[in-house]
Amino acid sequence: ARYDPETPFTARRFSDLIRLVRGGEHSALCAVLETAKYLSLGISNIVFALNPEVVIVSGGIAEVWDIVQAPVLAAYSSARTPFQVRPARLPADDLFLHGSISYALDALYAKPKLG
């Protein structure tokens, strides 16, 4: 929507945007970097509220992580709250599936409760 507010957002349009960014199109790059600013704000809120050691970024933005990583980390990083931000190795759907399976099997493989 930041790149072309007049056209409805779709997954296909996002893929096209990524292609344009990779091709060096200036307006597309500006739109992605603007999104990186908002992403960094969201990540900093998560870090300051929950204090995780690692934040995993998934989805379409992970496809341009090499471009947005520096602005994301520079905008709201703090020496008092060290954390890592890295892209997911798996697609988002696979991450949800792995998490669901892990959650479902957690009770099965938990230590037995005695007494």
C-alpha atoms as a PDB file:
ATOM      1  CA  ALA A   1       0.000   0.000   0.000  1.00  0.00           C
ATOM      2  CA  ARG A   2       2.951   2.355   0.577  1.00  0.00           C
ATOM      3  CA  TYR A   3       4.161   1.711  -2.968  1.00  0.00           C
ATOM      4  CA  ASP A   4       0.836   2.102  -4.781  1.00  0.00           C
ATOM      5  CA  PRO A   5      -2.063   3.128  -2.488  1.00  0.00           C
ATOM      6  CA  GLU A   6      -4.583   3.059  -5.348  1.00  0.00           C
ATOM      7  CA  THR A   7      -4.251  -0.685  -6.018  1.00  0.00           C
ATOM      8  CA  PRO A   8      -5.562  -3.280  -3.523  1.00  0.00           C
ATOM      9  CA  PHE A   9      -2.891  -5.263  -1.699  1.00  0.00           C
ATOM     10  CA  THR A  10      -2.463  -8.922  -2.661  1.00  0.00           C
ATOM     11  CA  ALA A  11       0.237 -11.517  -2.153  1.00  0.00           C
ATOM     12  CA  ARG A  12       0.988 -11.275  -5.878  1.00  0.00           C
ATOM     13  CA  ARG A  13       1.505  -7.516  -5.611  1.00  0.00           C
ATOM     14  CA  PHE A  14       3.885  -8.039  -2.725  1.00  0.00           C
ATOM     15  CA  SER A  15       5.887 -10.515  -4.798  1.00  0.00           C
ATOM     16  CA  ASP A  16       6.008  -7.950  -7.593  1.00  0.00           C
ATOM     17  CA  LEU A  17       7.188  -5.327  -5.103  1.00  0.00           C
ATOM     18  CA  ILE A  18       9.996  -7.614  -3.948  1.00  0.00           C
ATOM     19  CA  ARG A  19      11.028  -8.139  -7.565  1.00  0.00           C
ATOM     20  CA  LEU A  20      11.061  -4.362  -8.136  1.00  0.00           C
ATOM     21  CA  VAL A  21      13.154  -3.808  -5.010  1.00  0.00           C
ATOM     22  CA  ARG A  22      15.646  -6.421  -6.201  1.00  0.00           C
ATOM     23  CA  GLY A  23      15.685  -4.669  -9.567  1.00  0.00           C
ATOM     24  CA  GLY A  24      16.619  -1.371  -7.913  1.00  0.00           C
ATOM     25  CA  GLU A  25      13.348   0.513  -8.481  1.00  0.00           C
ATOM     26  CA  HIS A  26      13.610   3.582  -6.217  1.00  0.00           C
ATOM     27  CA  SER A  27       9.928   3.966  -5.200  1.00  0.00           C
ATOM     28  CA  ALA A  28       9.671   0.282  -4.314  1.00  0.00           C
ATOM     29  CA  LEU A  29      12.832   0.474  -2.229  1.00  0.00           C
ATOM     30  CA  CYS A  30      11.527   3.563  -0.406  1.00  0.00           C
ATOM     31  CA  ALA A  31       8.255   1.756   0.376  1.00  0.00           C
ATOM     32  CA  VAL A  32      10.092  -1.258   1.793  1.00  0.00           C
ATOM     33  CA  LEU A  33      12.422   0.919   3.852  1.00  0.00           C
ATOM     34  CA  GLU A  34       9.413   2.807   5.247  1.00  0.00           C
ATOM     35  CA  THR A  35       7.936  -0.559   6.226  1.00  0.00           C
ATOM     36  CA  ALA A  36      11.266  -1.411   7.882  1.00  0.00           C
ATOM     37  CA  LYS A  37      10.857   1.631  10.154  1.00  0.00           C
ATOM     38  CA  TYR A  38       7.484   0.373  11.374  1.00  0.00           C
ATOM     39  CA  LEU A  39       8.836  -3.151  11.720  1.00  0.00           C
ATOM     40  CA  SER A  40      11.687  -1.887  13.895  1.00  0.00           C
ATOM     41  CA  LEU A  41       9.217  -0.023  16.105  1.00  0.00           C
ATOM     42  CA  GLY A  42       7.152  -3.197  16.542  1.00  0.00           C
ATOM     43  CA  ILE A  43      10.221  -5.285  17.281  1.00  0.00           C
ATOM     44  CA  SER A  44      11.444  -2.780  19.853  1.00  0.00           C
ATOM     45  CA  ASN A  45       8.055  -2.869  21.588  1.00  0.00           C
ATOM     46  CA  ILE A  46       8.248  -6.660  21.750  1.00  0.00           C
ATOM     47  CA  VAL A  47      11.805  -6.546  23.072  1.00  0.00           C
ATOM     48  CA  PHE A  48      11.116  -3.954  25.760  1.00  0.00           C
ATOM     49  CA  ALA A  49       7.892  -5.665  26.866  1.00  0.00           C
ATOM     50  CA  LEU A  50       8.908  -9.337  26.728  1.00  0.00           C
ATOM     51  CA  ASN A  51      12.728  -9.226  26.760  1.00  0.00           C
ATOM     52  CA  PRO A  52      13.343 -12.127  24.337  1.00  0.00           C
ATOM     53  CA  GLU A  53      16.863 -13.096  23.348  1.00  0.00           C
ATOM     54  CA  VAL A  54      15.890 -13.655  19.720  1.00  0.00           C
ATOM     55  CA  VAL A  55      13.164 -12.245  17.476  1.00  0.00           C
ATOM     56  CA  ILE A  56      12.416 -14.247  14.325  1.00  0.00           C
ATOM     57  CA  VAL A  57      11.079 -12.316  11.347  1.00  0.00           C
ATOM     58  CA  SER A  58       8.970 -14.339   8.941  1.00  0.00           C
ATOM     59  CA  GLY A  59       6.827 -13.762   5.907  1.00  0.00           C
ATOM     60  CA  GLY A  60       7.427 -11.683   2.822  1.00  0.00           C
ATOM     61  CA  ILE A  61       9.663  -9.144   4.523  1.00  0.00           C
ATOM     62  CA  ALA A  62      12.162 -11.926   5.242  1.00  0.00           C
ATOM     63  CA  GLU A  63      12.723 -12.157   1.487  1.00  0.00           C
ATOM     64  CA  VAL A  64      14.357  -8.712   1.553  1.00  0.00           C
ATOM     65  CA  TRP A  65      15.983  -9.097   4.954  1.00  0.00           C
ATOM     66  CA  ASP A  66      19.407  -8.299   3.501  1.00  0.00           C
ATOM     67  CA  ILE A  67      18.016  -4.868   2.534  1.00  0.00           C
ATOM     68  CA  VAL A  68      15.977  -4.048   5.662  1.00  0.00           C
ATOM     69  CA  GLN A  69      18.173  -5.630   8.333  1.00  0.00           C
ATOM     70  CA  ALA A  70      20.467  -2.645   8.927  1.00  0.00           C
ATOM     71  CA  PRO A  71      17.661  -0.049   9.197  1.00  0.00           C
ATOM     72  CA  VAL A  72      15.606  -2.339  11.449  1.00  0.00           C
ATOM     73  CA  LEU A  73      18.472  -3.009  13.830  1.00  0.00           C
ATOM     74  CA  ALA A  74      19.750   0.574  13.863  1.00  0.00           C
ATOM     75  CA  ALA A  75      16.452   2.314  14.527  1.00  0.00           C
ATOM     76  CA  TYR A  76      15.585   0.983  17.975  1.00  0.00           C
ATOM     77  CA  SER A  77      18.447  -1.150  19.200  1.00  0.00           C
ATOM     78  CA  SER A  78      19.695  -0.561  22.715  1.00  0.00           C
ATOM     79  CA  ALA A  79      22.845  -1.688  24.491  1.00  0.00           C
ATOM     80  CA  ARG A  80      20.776  -2.239  27.646  1.00  0.00           C
ATOM     81  CA  THR A  81      18.576  -4.824  25.968  1.00  0.00           C
ATOM     82  CA  PRO A  82      20.756  -6.961  23.706  1.00  0.00           C
ATOM     83  CA  PHE A  83      18.798  -9.182  21.355  1.00  0.00           C
ATOM     84  CA  GLN A  84      19.125 -10.822  17.972  1.00  0.00           C
ATOM     85  CA  VAL A  85      16.771 -10.342  15.063  1.00  0.00           C
ATOM     86  CA  ARG A  86      17.008 -12.826  12.232  1.00  0.00           C
ATOM     87  CA  PRO A  87      14.873 -14.112   9.391  1.00  0.00           C
ATOM     88  CA  ALA A  88      13.101 -17.443   9.657  1.00  0.00           C
ATOM     89  CA  ARG A  89      14.580 -20.345   7.754  1.00  0.00           C
ATOM     90  CA  LEU A  90      11.136 -21.776   7.025  1.00  0.00           C
ATOM     91  CA  PRO A  91       8.007 -20.257   5.481  1.00  0.00           C
ATOM     92  CA  ALA A  92       5.481 -18.877   7.990  1.00  0.00           C
ATOM     93  CA  ASP A  93       2.994 -21.720   7.406  1.00  0.00           C
ATOM     94  CA  ASP A  94       5.656 -24.297   8.281  1.00  0.00           C
ATOM     95  CA  LEU A  95       6.550 -22.370  11.434  1.00  0.00           C
ATOM     96  CA  PHE A  96       2.919 -22.419  12.577  1.00  0.00           C
ATOM     97  CA  LEU A  97       2.714 -26.146  11.860  1.00  0.00           C
ATOM     98  CA  HIS A  98       5.913 -26.869  13.807  1.00  0.00           C
ATOM     99  CA  GLY A  99       4.687 -24.789  16.735  1.00  0.00           C
ATOM    100  CA  SER A 100       1.304 -26.521  16.762  1.00  0.00           C
ATOM    101  CA  ILE A 101       2.863 -29.970  16.696  1.00  0.00           C
ATOM    102  CA  SER A 102       5.325 -29.037  19.425  1.00  0.00           C
ATOM    103  CA  TYR A 103       2.512 -27.682  21.594  1.00  0.00           C
ATOM    104  CA  ALA A 104       0.357 -30.762  21.025  1.00  0.00           C
ATOM    105  CA  LEU A 105       3.181 -33.171  21.863  1.00  0.00           C
ATOM    106  CA  ASP A 106       4.412 -31.213  24.866  1.00  0.00           C
ATOM    107  CA  ALA A 107       1.957 -32.873  27.259  1.00  0.00           C
ATOM    108  CA  LEU A 108       2.682 -36.305  25.800  1.00  0.00           C
ATOM    109  CA  TYR A 109       6.415 -36.045  26.445  1.00  0.00           C
ATOM    110  CA  ALA A 110       6.293 -34.020  29.675  1.00  0.00           C
ATOM    111  CA  LYS A 111       7.679 -35.388  32.900  1.00  0.00           C
ATOM    112  CA  PRO A 112       5.079 -37.436  34.711  1.00  0.00           C
ATOM    113  CA  LYS A 113       3.321 -35.757  37.619  1.00  0.00           C
ATOM    114  CA  LEU A 114       3.519 -37.839  40.747  1.00  0.00           C
ATOM    115  CA  GLY A 115       1.402 -37.479  43.825  1.00  0.00           C
END
